[in-house]
Structure formats: structure tokens, C-alpha cells
């Protein structure tokens, strides 16, 4: 983990040094210009499946950042490219570096006794039990995600079978591009006829979330603001799209919404997020769950709630758990002031999904501890250490988003985790040159 931190922070430091004497008359215009140039380069890379090239291009832009604001912006989007390529720990550190550049004061919790009292009082609940209970009184359940943390999407895919069993039939996603095709040829990466497309669908776990929803028979709905270019309130456009594309057609629809960050806030003193606006337009109250994971930067950019209940916990949970946010439920936790609320005391969300502390690899595995799970099978092997290994669903082809991918370790070992099925296993070299390609069945031998 020290190596990951050194890499990310060295990028930040080199860019800061370059920006010492830089003065931007219009930094936002400059950022927009840089963003468009970077986006064009990344699109060209990803069209070839060159995820490592996309990361390298992004790093070059970071090193040439003209000012701290642009540096912070580039580190933010760089975190997503790292996540796309399966570099989970580096993605978290890149986002932490982005946030550190701004003026940020460390959050200092109260004394140890008060924090321990909160942990002793809080009840960690199983997500499945919370969702089962919520489904009895809510037809709209919303999940947040952090765009650079693939762990959140993997969790969502695990929850979909239960939600389908509970009667939910629509999955509305901020990440989807409108319109979603009725008949799907493939998911993500390269646009075309019959492609379920979207910027974040280039990441394997997001594509996996969509594929699992399709397997279960969910109707996919896109609701992001794609038309106004920021001229209108994004929250308002998102809410309006959800209402028009779902509830205006079927007021009784049972809907799961997958959104980024605070769009799922049900209450706020200063502005109204998408979730609150949908509630006001339809009278349908959402049940909102906010996901939090280890930022790898516990003293500066970590959520105070996550730090107090998970990172500072001598016995943290080893799987995702839910903590309810209702005021008065846990007075000792309320006393810490680590849950965001309105002035009237209403929590922004109904609860928090708290993931375990990050482990770069599970015992006996090359991959992060959150990845191996029931329903996925390991496909391992060896390749040149400088290669990049990808597995594509055979029925979608190599223009789709991979189901999983990784760079082999220094010994050339790789380890992919895949649902049962047939895949095109491909090894790429420099500039995405194809080194080898074969069709494999997962698992390799039936038990």
C-alpha cells in the first residue's frame, strides 16, 4: 500500500511544482478545454480496449496540470480511469489526493470513550434484512455509489436478486445513456446499435451490474441530464426524467435507483437533490442508502462516520453492514455529530452501507478482498508481466466492456473472477496489441 501512496502523491507533487507560478485568468474554461482533450484521447484508447494506455494518458495530463484547481479535477477523473483498469487501491488514493489539494481541515473525533460508547450502542444490520423490511413500505429504493469505487457496484449486483424477488422490476441508473435499447447486443465501451452505453459502463463492475439486471429481467431506465449542458438544474432534470420515464407510465412501479453520491439525499437545508424532488413530484418517499468505503486517507478525507465505526473499530465487520440514520435511535452516535442532518434533525438519508476496511488482496488471492464471492469463479494463469488480461462475455465480443481484467503481478500471475459462462480471454501488450486470444469456459471444469 505504501507503493500505491507514493505513486499517487508523486503525481500530485510534480503537478503542484509545475503550477507554482501559473496564473489562470479563467481556470474553469481551462479545465473544460483540458477535459475535452483528455476525453478524446481516453475514448480513442478505450475503443481499442487499451485501459492501461488510458491511465498513462491521464497521468501525463496530471503532470502538466497548470494550477491546483485543475490538478484536483484531473486527479478526480484519474481515479475513475484507475478503477476502470482494476487498480482499486490507486483509484482511492487518487481521489484522496484530489480532495487533499483543497482547503480541508481534519475531522477530529471526541475522546476515545465517547467513540467507543457509540460503537457499543450501534447495531450493524445485514443489508438483506434492511432491504426486505424497506420493501414492505417503500416502492422506491435508492443506492449511492462513489464513481471511483468498483466495490459499490459489486455490492449492488449482489443485492439485485433479492430486490427482484421482492417485486422490484425497474433499475434506473444515472450511468446509462438514453435511450436504452430494447434488444441488447453488448454492454458498454464502444457505442453502436443495440449497445447499452454510458461513460461508467466502461468499468467491469458497472457493466456487471447491468448484465445482472438484464439476467434477472429488470427494465433499465436512463435518467441523467444529457441535453442541457448545465444550463438547467441537473437535480431537477434528473428528477423530471425519472418521473416521466417511470412513474408517469406506471405510478405503482417498484423501482431501484442507482445514483452517484448525494443525489439520493431526501432532505437538505440549502438545496434539493434529485431524491427529494422525485418525492415532491410523486408523493413517493424513497428509501435512501448511502455507501461508504475506505478512502485510504483516514486522517484527512475519510468520512467521520466511517472512521469512527469502522476504521477505529478494533473488531470491524468483514462484510458490508447497514447503520440506520434516524435521530434518537443511537444517542451516543448522535452525540458524536458524524451523521449529516438538517437543522430540524432529519438525516439526509435513511441509512449507510458501510464496507469493510480495504484489503489489497484477499487471503490466497491476487485481488481485493471484496471481489471473490459466491457466484463468481476464479480464472487464473500466467502471462508476460507487462501484459494486460481481459475476459469478455463470448456472446458480446471484444467490443464490449470486459467482465473482468487486470495487469499480471511481477511474476506474471493473473486472476479473474467471473460468473459462469463462456468468455473470450485476451492478453494485450503495448498499445493494445493482441498477444493471444482464446475462448474459455468458466468454471474450467464443472464440479
Protein backbone atom coordinates (compact mmCIF):
# COMPACT_ATOMS: atom_id res chain seq x y z
CA UNK A 1 0.00 0.00 0.00
CA UNK A 2 2.95 2.34 0.61
CA UNK A 3 3.91 1.95 -3.06
CA UNK A 4 0.41 2.93 -4.15
CA UNK A 5 0.50 6.04 -1.97
CA UNK A 6 3.93 7.02 -3.27
CA UNK A 7 2.82 6.75 -6.88
CA UNK A 8 -0.30 8.85 -6.47
CA UNK A 9 1.24 11.50 -4.24
CA UNK A 10 4.29 11.84 -6.54
CA UNK A 11 1.94 12.71 -9.41
CA UNK A 12 0.28 15.35 -7.26
CA UNK A 13 3.61 16.83 -6.13
CA UNK A 14 5.04 17.05 -9.66
CA UNK A 15 1.93 18.85 -10.86
CA UNK A 16 1.99 21.24 -7.91
CA UNK A 17 5.60 22.14 -8.63
CA UNK A 18 4.71 22.91 -12.23
CA UNK A 19 1.86 25.17 -11.15
CA UNK A 20 3.74 27.40 -8.69
CA UNK A 21 3.96 30.43 -11.00
CA UNK A 22 0.88 29.66 -13.07
CA UNK A 23 -1.98 32.11 -13.06
CA UNK A 24 -5.19 31.22 -14.82
CA UNK A 25 -7.42 34.12 -15.82
CA UNK A 26 -10.31 31.69 -16.32
CA UNK A 27 -9.46 28.36 -14.65
CA UNK A 28 -12.88 26.81 -15.37
CA UNK A 29 -12.56 27.47 -19.09
CA UNK A 30 -9.05 25.99 -19.00
CA UNK A 31 -10.34 22.90 -17.18
CA UNK A 32 -13.10 22.45 -19.76
CA UNK A 33 -10.56 22.62 -22.58
CA UNK A 34 -8.28 20.11 -20.86
CA UNK A 35 -11.23 17.83 -20.10
CA UNK A 36 -12.33 17.74 -23.74
CA UNK A 37 -8.80 16.98 -24.94
CA UNK A 38 -8.30 14.24 -22.35
CA UNK A 39 -11.73 12.76 -23.10
CA UNK A 40 -10.88 12.46 -26.80
CA UNK A 41 -7.62 10.65 -26.01
CA UNK A 42 -9.27 8.34 -23.48
CA UNK A 43 -12.13 7.48 -25.85
CA UNK A 44 -9.62 6.50 -28.53
CA UNK A 45 -7.73 4.31 -26.07
CA UNK A 46 -10.80 2.57 -24.68
CA UNK A 47 -12.24 1.95 -28.14
CA UNK A 48 -9.24 -0.40 -28.58
CA UNK A 49 -9.57 -1.81 -25.07
CA UNK A 50 -6.35 -0.05 -24.08
CA UNK A 51 -7.17 0.62 -20.43
CA UNK A 52 -3.54 0.91 -19.35
CA UNK A 53 -2.92 3.42 -22.12
CA UNK A 54 -5.85 5.47 -20.82
CA UNK A 55 -4.27 5.51 -17.36
CA UNK A 56 -0.91 6.60 -18.83
CA UNK A 57 -2.52 9.40 -20.85
CA UNK A 58 -4.33 10.64 -17.76
CA UNK A 59 -1.09 10.62 -15.74
CA UNK A 60 0.57 12.76 -18.40
CA UNK A 61 -2.20 15.36 -18.10
CA UNK A 62 -1.81 15.36 -14.31
CA UNK A 63 1.91 16.06 -14.54
CA UNK A 64 1.20 19.05 -16.80
CA UNK A 65 -1.63 20.48 -14.69
CA UNK A 66 -1.32 24.30 -14.82
CA UNK A 67 -2.83 25.09 -11.41
CA UNK A 68 -4.06 23.39 -8.21
CA UNK A 69 -7.75 23.54 -9.21
CA UNK A 70 -7.05 21.73 -12.47
CA UNK A 71 -4.78 19.27 -10.66
CA UNK A 72 -7.57 18.41 -8.22
CA UNK A 73 -10.01 17.98 -11.10
CA UNK A 74 -7.64 15.71 -13.05
CA UNK A 75 -6.85 13.54 -10.04
CA UNK A 76 -10.59 13.13 -9.51
CA UNK A 77 -11.27 11.82 -13.01
CA UNK A 78 -8.00 9.87 -12.99
CA UNK A 79 -9.42 7.87 -10.10
CA UNK A 80 -12.15 6.59 -12.42
CA UNK A 81 -9.65 5.52 -15.11
CA UNK A 82 -7.71 3.62 -12.45
CA UNK A 83 -10.92 1.92 -11.34
CA UNK A 84 -11.72 1.04 -14.97
CA UNK A 85 -8.35 -0.75 -15.20
CA UNK A 86 -8.86 -2.68 -11.96
CA UNK A 87 -6.41 -0.62 -9.91
CA UNK A 88 -8.68 -0.25 -6.91
CA UNK A 89 -6.24 0.94 -4.27
CA UNK A 90 -4.65 3.51 -6.58
CA UNK A 91 -8.12 4.80 -7.54
CA UNK A 92 -8.91 5.53 -3.90
CA UNK A 93 -5.59 7.25 -3.34
CA UNK A 94 -6.01 9.39 -6.45
CA UNK A 95 -9.37 10.63 -5.18
CA UNK A 96 -7.92 11.26 -1.72
CA UNK A 97 -5.11 13.30 -3.31
CA UNK A 98 -7.69 15.30 -5.26
CA UNK A 99 -9.56 16.15 -2.09
CA UNK A 100 -6.40 16.97 -0.12
CA UNK A 101 -5.46 19.76 -2.54
CA UNK A 102 -8.41 21.88 -1.45
CA UNK A 103 -8.64 23.60 1.91
CA UNK A 104 -9.65 20.73 4.16
CA UNK A 105 -9.46 20.59 7.93
CA UNK A 106 -9.01 17.16 9.51
CA UNK A 107 -12.08 15.97 11.40
CA UNK A 108 -11.12 15.20 14.98
CA UNK A 109 -13.45 12.87 16.83
CA UNK A 110 -14.21 13.28 20.51
CA UNK A 111 -12.46 11.32 23.21
CA UNK A 112 -11.99 7.58 22.90
CA UNK A 113 -14.65 6.80 25.49
CA UNK A 114 -17.34 8.67 23.56
CA UNK A 115 -16.40 6.96 20.30
CA UNK A 116 -16.36 3.56 21.97
CA UNK A 117 -19.77 4.26 23.51
CA UNK A 118 -21.17 4.96 20.07
CA UNK A 119 -19.73 1.75 18.67
CA UNK A 120 -21.13 -0.21 21.60
CA UNK A 121 -24.59 1.24 21.03
CA UNK A 122 -24.82 0.99 17.24
CA UNK A 123 -26.37 -2.12 15.75
CA UNK A 124 -24.85 -3.28 12.48
CA UNK A 125 -27.66 -4.70 10.36
CA UNK A 126 -27.49 -7.06 7.42
CA UNK A 127 -28.30 -5.30 4.13
CA UNK A 128 -30.63 -8.11 3.05
CA UNK A 129 -32.73 -7.73 6.19
CA UNK A 130 -32.90 -3.95 5.85
CA UNK A 131 -33.96 -4.17 2.20
CA UNK A 132 -36.57 -6.81 2.95
CA UNK A 133 -38.08 -4.60 5.63
CA UNK A 134 -37.91 -1.46 3.50
CA UNK A 135 -39.67 -3.18 0.59
CA UNK A 136 -42.77 -3.62 2.74
CA UNK A 137 -43.36 0.14 2.90
CA UNK A 138 -41.37 1.62 0.01
CA UNK A 139 -41.69 1.18 -3.75
CA UNK A 140 -38.60 3.28 -4.41
CA UNK A 141 -35.17 2.30 -3.07
CA UNK A 142 -32.12 4.41 -3.89
CA UNK A 143 -28.44 3.50 -3.59
CA UNK A 144 -25.49 5.86 -3.87
CA UNK A 145 -22.09 4.97 -5.22
CA UNK A 146 -18.69 6.62 -5.40
CA UNK A 147 -17.73 6.59 -9.08
CA UNK A 148 -14.14 5.52 -8.37
CA UNK A 149 -15.01 2.58 -6.08
CA UNK A 150 -15.94 -0.57 -8.02
CA UNK A 151 -16.71 -2.31 -4.71
CA UNK A 152 -20.01 -0.42 -4.54
CA UNK A 153 -21.16 -1.79 -7.90
CA UNK A 154 -20.20 -5.33 -6.97
CA UNK A 155 -22.34 -4.96 -3.84
CA UNK A 156 -25.25 -3.70 -5.93
CA UNK A 157 -25.06 -6.72 -8.22
CA UNK A 158 -25.25 -8.99 -5.18
CA UNK A 159 -28.40 -7.24 -3.95
CA UNK A 160 -30.30 -7.36 -7.25
CA UNK A 161 -31.57 -10.96 -6.98
CA UNK A 162 -33.16 -10.19 -3.60
CA UNK A 163 -34.68 -6.95 -4.86
CA UNK A 164 -36.15 -8.76 -7.88
CA UNK A 165 -37.62 -11.37 -5.56
CA UNK A 166 -39.16 -8.55 -3.51
CA UNK A 167 -41.02 -7.32 -6.59
CA UNK A 168 -38.73 -4.57 -7.91
CA UNK A 169 -38.69 -4.60 -11.70
CA UNK A 170 -37.08 -1.30 -12.79
CA UNK A 171 -33.43 -0.32 -12.41
CA UNK A 172 -32.93 3.39 -13.12
CA UNK A 173 -29.27 4.38 -13.44
CA UNK A 174 -27.52 7.72 -13.64
CA UNK A 175 -24.75 5.97 -15.60
CA UNK A 176 -26.94 4.88 -18.52
CA UNK A 177 -27.11 6.77 -21.79
CA UNK A 178 -30.60 7.49 -23.15
CA UNK A 179 -32.27 5.73 -24.85
CA UNK A 180 -31.59 2.22 -23.58
CA UNK A 181 -32.04 -0.25 -26.48
CA UNK A 182 -34.83 -2.80 -26.24
CA UNK A 183 -32.58 -5.54 -27.60
CA UNK A 184 -29.02 -5.62 -26.31
CA UNK A 185 -26.03 -6.81 -28.33
CA UNK A 186 -23.43 -5.82 -25.77
CA UNK A 187 -22.76 -3.65 -22.75
CA UNK A 188 -20.55 -0.59 -22.78
CA UNK A 189 -17.25 0.70 -24.12
CA UNK A 190 -17.84 1.21 -27.85
CA UNK A 191 -21.14 2.82 -28.93
CA UNK A 192 -23.27 1.28 -31.65
CA UNK A 193 -26.64 -0.24 -32.44
CA UNK A 194 -28.00 -2.37 -29.61
CA UNK A 195 -25.32 -1.22 -27.16
CA UNK A 196 -26.21 -0.37 -23.56
CA UNK A 197 -23.90 2.61 -23.28
CA UNK A 198 -22.67 5.11 -20.71
CA UNK A 199 -19.41 6.61 -19.50
CA UNK A 200 -19.08 4.50 -16.34
CA UNK A 201 -20.20 1.32 -18.11
CA UNK A 202 -16.59 1.07 -19.28
CA UNK A 203 -15.78 -0.24 -15.80
CA UNK A 204 -16.26 -4.03 -15.46
CA UNK A 205 -18.26 -3.99 -12.19
CA UNK A 206 -20.68 -1.38 -13.54
CA UNK A 207 -21.11 -3.46 -16.68
CA UNK A 208 -21.60 -6.46 -14.40
CA UNK A 209 -24.34 -4.64 -12.52
CA UNK A 210 -26.15 -4.01 -15.81
CA UNK A 211 -25.66 -7.58 -17.01
CA UNK A 212 -27.03 -8.98 -13.76
CA UNK A 213 -30.06 -6.69 -14.00
CA UNK A 214 -30.70 -7.90 -17.55
CA UNK A 215 -30.33 -11.53 -16.49
CA UNK A 216 -32.93 -11.00 -13.77
CA UNK A 217 -35.39 -9.27 -16.09
CA UNK A 218 -35.15 -5.69 -14.79
CA UNK A 219 -36.21 -2.89 -17.13
CA UNK A 220 -33.30 -0.46 -17.48
CA UNK A 221 -34.07 3.26 -17.42
CA UNK A 222 -31.68 6.16 -18.07
CA UNK A 223 -32.42 9.44 -16.31
CA UNK A 224 -29.24 11.56 -16.41
CA UNK A 225 -29.37 15.13 -17.75
CA UNK A 226 -27.79 14.70 -21.20
CA UNK A 227 -29.34 17.61 -23.09
CA UNK A 228 -28.94 20.91 -21.25
CA UNK A 229 -25.13 21.09 -20.86
CA UNK A 230 -25.57 22.53 -17.38
CA UNK A 231 -27.98 25.27 -18.45
CA UNK A 232 -30.68 23.81 -16.19
CA UNK A 233 -30.55 22.42 -12.66
CA UNK A 234 -29.15 18.90 -13.00
CA UNK A 235 -31.13 17.64 -9.99
CA UNK A 236 -34.35 18.96 -11.50
CA UNK A 237 -33.71 17.38 -14.90
CA UNK A 238 -32.81 14.03 -13.34
CA UNK A 239 -35.97 14.05 -11.20
CA UNK A 240 -38.14 15.07 -14.14
CA UNK A 241 -36.71 12.31 -16.31
CA UNK A 242 -37.35 9.70 -13.63
CA UNK A 243 -40.93 10.82 -13.19
CA UNK A 244 -41.68 11.00 -16.93
CA UNK A 245 -39.94 7.76 -17.88
CA UNK A 246 -41.14 5.63 -14.98
CA UNK A 247 -43.86 6.87 -12.63
CA UNK A 248 -45.93 8.76 -15.21
CA UNK A 249 -46.26 5.46 -17.08
CA UNK A 250 -46.73 3.25 -14.01
CA UNK A 251 -47.39 5.00 -10.68
CA UNK A 252 -47.11 1.67 -8.84
CA UNK A 253 -43.76 0.65 -10.33
CA UNK A 254 -41.24 -0.74 -7.83
CA UNK A 255 -38.01 0.98 -8.70
CA UNK A 256 -34.33 0.72 -7.74
CA UNK A 257 -32.29 3.87 -8.43
CA UNK A 258 -28.50 3.71 -8.76
CA UNK A 259 -27.01 7.19 -8.40
CA UNK A 260 -23.76 8.97 -7.64
CA UNK A 261 -23.01 10.42 -4.23
CA UNK A 262 -25.55 12.87 -2.76
CA UNK A 263 -28.19 12.68 -5.48
CA UNK A 264 -30.07 10.29 -3.18
CA UNK A 265 -30.39 12.83 -0.32
CA UNK A 266 -34.01 13.08 0.82
CA UNK A 267 -33.54 16.28 2.80
CA UNK A 268 -31.16 19.23 2.90
CA UNK A 269 -31.32 22.78 4.26
CA UNK A 270 -29.55 24.53 1.38
CA UNK A 271 -30.69 22.74 -1.79
CA UNK A 272 -32.84 19.92 -3.07
CA UNK A 273 -31.23 16.84 -4.54
CA UNK A 274 -32.82 14.52 -7.10
CA UNK A 275 -34.34 12.17 -4.49
CA UNK A 276 -36.16 14.96 -2.65
CA UNK A 277 -37.52 16.37 -5.91
CA UNK A 278 -38.85 12.97 -7.01
CA UNK A 279 -40.56 12.64 -3.62
CA UNK A 280 -42.18 16.06 -4.01
CA UNK A 281 -43.30 15.44 -7.60
CA UNK A 282 -44.80 12.00 -6.99
CA UNK A 283 -45.57 11.72 -3.28
CA UNK A 284 -43.45 8.54 -3.31
CA UNK A 285 -40.92 8.59 -0.50
CA UNK A 286 -37.59 6.97 -1.40
CA UNK A 287 -35.66 4.75 0.95
CA UNK A 288 -32.10 6.00 0.54
CA UNK A 289 -28.92 4.12 1.40
CA UNK A 290 -25.53 5.86 1.14
CA UNK A 291 -22.46 3.67 0.54
CA UNK A 292 -19.16 4.40 2.26
CA UNK A 293 -15.79 2.68 1.84
CA UNK A 294 -12.20 3.04 2.99
CA UNK A 295 -10.60 6.11 1.36
CA UNK A 296 -7.08 5.00 2.43
CA UNK A 297 -6.63 8.52 3.84
CA UNK A 298 -8.13 8.23 7.34
CA UNK A 299 -6.83 11.49 8.80
CA UNK A 300 -7.91 13.92 6.09
CA UNK A 301 -10.53 12.73 3.61
CA UNK A 302 -12.26 9.88 5.43
CA UNK A 303 -15.92 10.11 6.38
CA UNK A 304 -16.14 10.76 10.14
CA UNK A 305 -18.92 8.17 10.42
CA UNK A 306 -16.87 5.53 8.61
CA UNK A 307 -13.74 6.34 10.60
CA UNK A 308 -15.49 6.15 13.96
CA UNK A 309 -17.49 2.96 13.33
CA UNK A 310 -15.19 1.00 11.01
CA UNK A 311 -11.57 2.18 10.85
CA UNK A 312 -11.24 2.93 14.57
CA UNK A 313 -13.14 -0.23 15.46
CA UNK A 314 -10.83 -2.93 16.90
CA UNK A 315 -13.23 -5.55 15.51
CA UNK A 316 -14.67 -4.13 12.26
CA UNK A 317 -17.20 -6.16 10.27
CA UNK A 318 -15.80 -8.35 7.49
CA UNK A 319 -18.71 -7.70 5.12
CA UNK A 320 -20.98 -4.74 4.25
CA UNK A 321 -23.36 -3.69 7.01
CA UNK A 322 -26.08 -1.05 7.39
CA UNK A 323 -26.33 1.61 10.08
CA UNK A 324 -29.65 3.43 10.34
CA UNK A 325 -29.51 7.24 10.41
CA UNK A 326 -32.72 8.09 12.31
CA UNK A 327 -32.09 10.64 15.07
CA UNK A 328 -32.56 9.27 18.55
CA UNK A 329 -32.00 5.66 17.56
CA UNK A 330 -28.39 5.79 18.78
CA UNK A 331 -27.97 8.76 21.17
CA UNK A 332 -24.26 8.09 21.66
CA UNK A 333 -23.72 8.21 17.90
CA UNK A 334 -25.80 11.41 17.66
CA UNK A 335 -23.54 12.96 20.29
CA UNK A 336 -20.50 12.46 18.01
CA UNK A 337 -22.11 14.56 15.29
CA UNK A 338 -20.91 12.31 12.48
CA UNK A 339 -24.25 11.96 10.63
CA UNK A 340 -25.28 14.85 8.38
CA UNK A 341 -28.73 16.25 9.24
CA UNK A 342 -30.92 19.23 8.53
CA UNK A 343 -31.32 21.92 11.18
CA UNK A 344 -34.55 20.17 12.17
CA UNK A 345 -32.61 16.97 12.82
CA UNK A 346 -33.68 14.98 9.74
CA UNK A 347 -30.93 12.79 8.32
CA UNK A 348 -30.12 13.27 4.65
CA UNK A 349 -30.57 9.51 4.07
CA UNK A 350 -32.23 6.55 5.80
CA UNK A 351 -29.04 4.62 6.39
CA UNK A 352 -25.44 3.95 5.47
CA UNK A 353 -23.93 0.88 3.87
CA UNK A 354 -20.50 0.61 5.47
CA UNK A 355 -18.00 -1.61 3.67
CA UNK A 356 -15.11 -3.36 5.47
CA UNK A 357 -11.64 -1.79 5.62
CA UNK A 358 -9.82 -2.10 2.33
CA UNK A 359 -7.51 -5.06 1.85
CA UNK A 360 -5.40 -5.04 -1.30
CA UNK A 361 -5.77 -8.80 -1.61
CA UNK A 362 -7.90 -11.49 -0.05
CA UNK A 363 -6.10 -14.42 1.64
CA UNK A 364 -4.66 -16.62 -1.10
CA UNK A 365 -5.79 -14.20 -3.81
CA UNK A 366 -4.26 -11.54 -6.05
CA UNK A 367 -7.38 -9.37 -5.99
CA UNK A 368 -9.02 -7.02 -3.45
CA UNK A 369 -10.83 -8.78 -0.63
CA UNK A 370 -14.27 -7.51 -1.71
CA UNK A 371 -14.09 -9.21 -5.13
CA UNK A 372 -14.05 -13.01 -4.61
CA UNK A 373 -17.55 -14.12 -3.64
CA UNK A 374 -20.08 -16.91 -4.16
CA UNK A 375 -21.38 -16.96 -7.71
CA UNK A 376 -18.03 -15.97 -9.21
CA UNK A 377 -15.35 -18.41 -10.35
CA UNK A 378 -11.61 -17.86 -10.45
CA UNK A 379 -9.86 -17.98 -13.81
CA UNK A 380 -6.13 -17.84 -13.22
CA UNK A 381 -2.99 -18.21 -15.27
CA UNK A 382 0.33 -16.66 -16.24
CA UNK A 383 1.27 -14.17 -18.92
CA UNK A 384 4.09 -11.71 -19.56
CA UNK A 385 4.35 -9.30 -16.64
CA UNK A 386 3.83 -6.32 -18.96
CA UNK A 387 0.61 -7.68 -20.46
CA UNK A 388 -3.00 -6.81 -19.64
CA UNK A 389 -5.54 -9.62 -19.30
CA UNK A 390 -9.21 -9.24 -20.23
CA UNK A 391 -12.23 -11.57 -20.29
CA UNK A 392 -15.23 -10.67 -22.48
CA UNK A 393 -18.61 -12.45 -22.48
CA UNK A 394 -18.41 -14.54 -25.66
CA UNK A 395 -21.89 -13.53 -26.82
CA UNK A 396 -20.92 -9.82 -26.66
CA UNK A 397 -17.47 -9.96 -28.25
CA UNK A 398 -14.34 -7.92 -27.66
CA UNK A 399 -16.02 -4.56 -28.34
CA UNK A 400 -17.92 -4.93 -25.06
CA UNK A 401 -16.73 -3.92 -21.61
CA UNK A 402 -14.72 -6.79 -20.11
CA UNK A 403 -16.36 -8.83 -17.37
CA UNK A 404 -13.05 -8.59 -15.53
CA UNK A 405 -9.50 -7.50 -16.27
CA UNK A 406 -6.17 -6.92 -14.59
CA UNK A 407 -2.46 -6.45 -15.13
CA UNK A 408 -0.48 -9.55 -14.05
CA UNK A 409 1.73 -9.24 -11.00
CA UNK A 410 5.54 -9.12 -11.19
CA UNK A 411 5.59 -12.93 -11.56
CA UNK A 412 3.16 -12.82 -14.48
CA UNK A 413 0.26 -14.25 -12.49
CA UNK A 414 -3.30 -13.11 -13.11
CA UNK A 415 -6.62 -13.96 -11.51
CA UNK A 416 -10.01 -13.05 -12.94
CA UNK A 417 -13.33 -13.54 -11.14
CA UNK A 418 -16.23 -14.29 -13.47
CA UNK A 419 -19.81 -15.57 -13.48
CA UNK A 420 -20.37 -18.98 -15.04
CA UNK A 421 -20.28 -18.85 -18.84
CA UNK A 422 -18.15 -18.67 -21.97
CA UNK A 423 -15.58 -15.91 -22.40
CA UNK A 424 -13.03 -14.59 -24.85
CA UNK A 425 -9.79 -14.43 -22.88
CA UNK A 426 -7.40 -11.89 -24.35
CA UNK A 427 -3.88 -10.74 -23.50
CA UNK A 428 -2.82 -7.29 -24.68
CA UNK A 429 0.67 -5.87 -25.00
CA UNK A 430 1.98 -2.36 -25.63
CA UNK A 431 -0.52 -0.05 -27.38
CA UNK A 432 -3.19 -2.77 -27.01
CA UNK A 433 -1.50 -5.16 -29.45
CA UNK A 434 -3.21 -8.56 -29.12
CA UNK A 435 -0.71 -11.12 -27.80
CA UNK A 436 -3.15 -14.02 -27.53
CA UNK A 437 -6.87 -14.74 -27.66
CA UNK A 438 -8.85 -17.88 -26.87
CA UNK A 439 -12.33 -18.98 -25.88
CA UNK A 440 -12.66 -20.44 -22.39
CA UNK A 441 -15.46 -21.82 -20.27
CA UNK A 442 -15.83 -20.74 -16.65
CA UNK A 443 -15.52 -22.70 -14.47
CA UNK A 444 -12.95 -24.65 -16.48
CA UNK A 445 -14.32 -27.95 -15.16
CA UNK A 446 -17.82 -28.46 -13.76
CA UNK A 447 -17.88 -29.58 -10.10
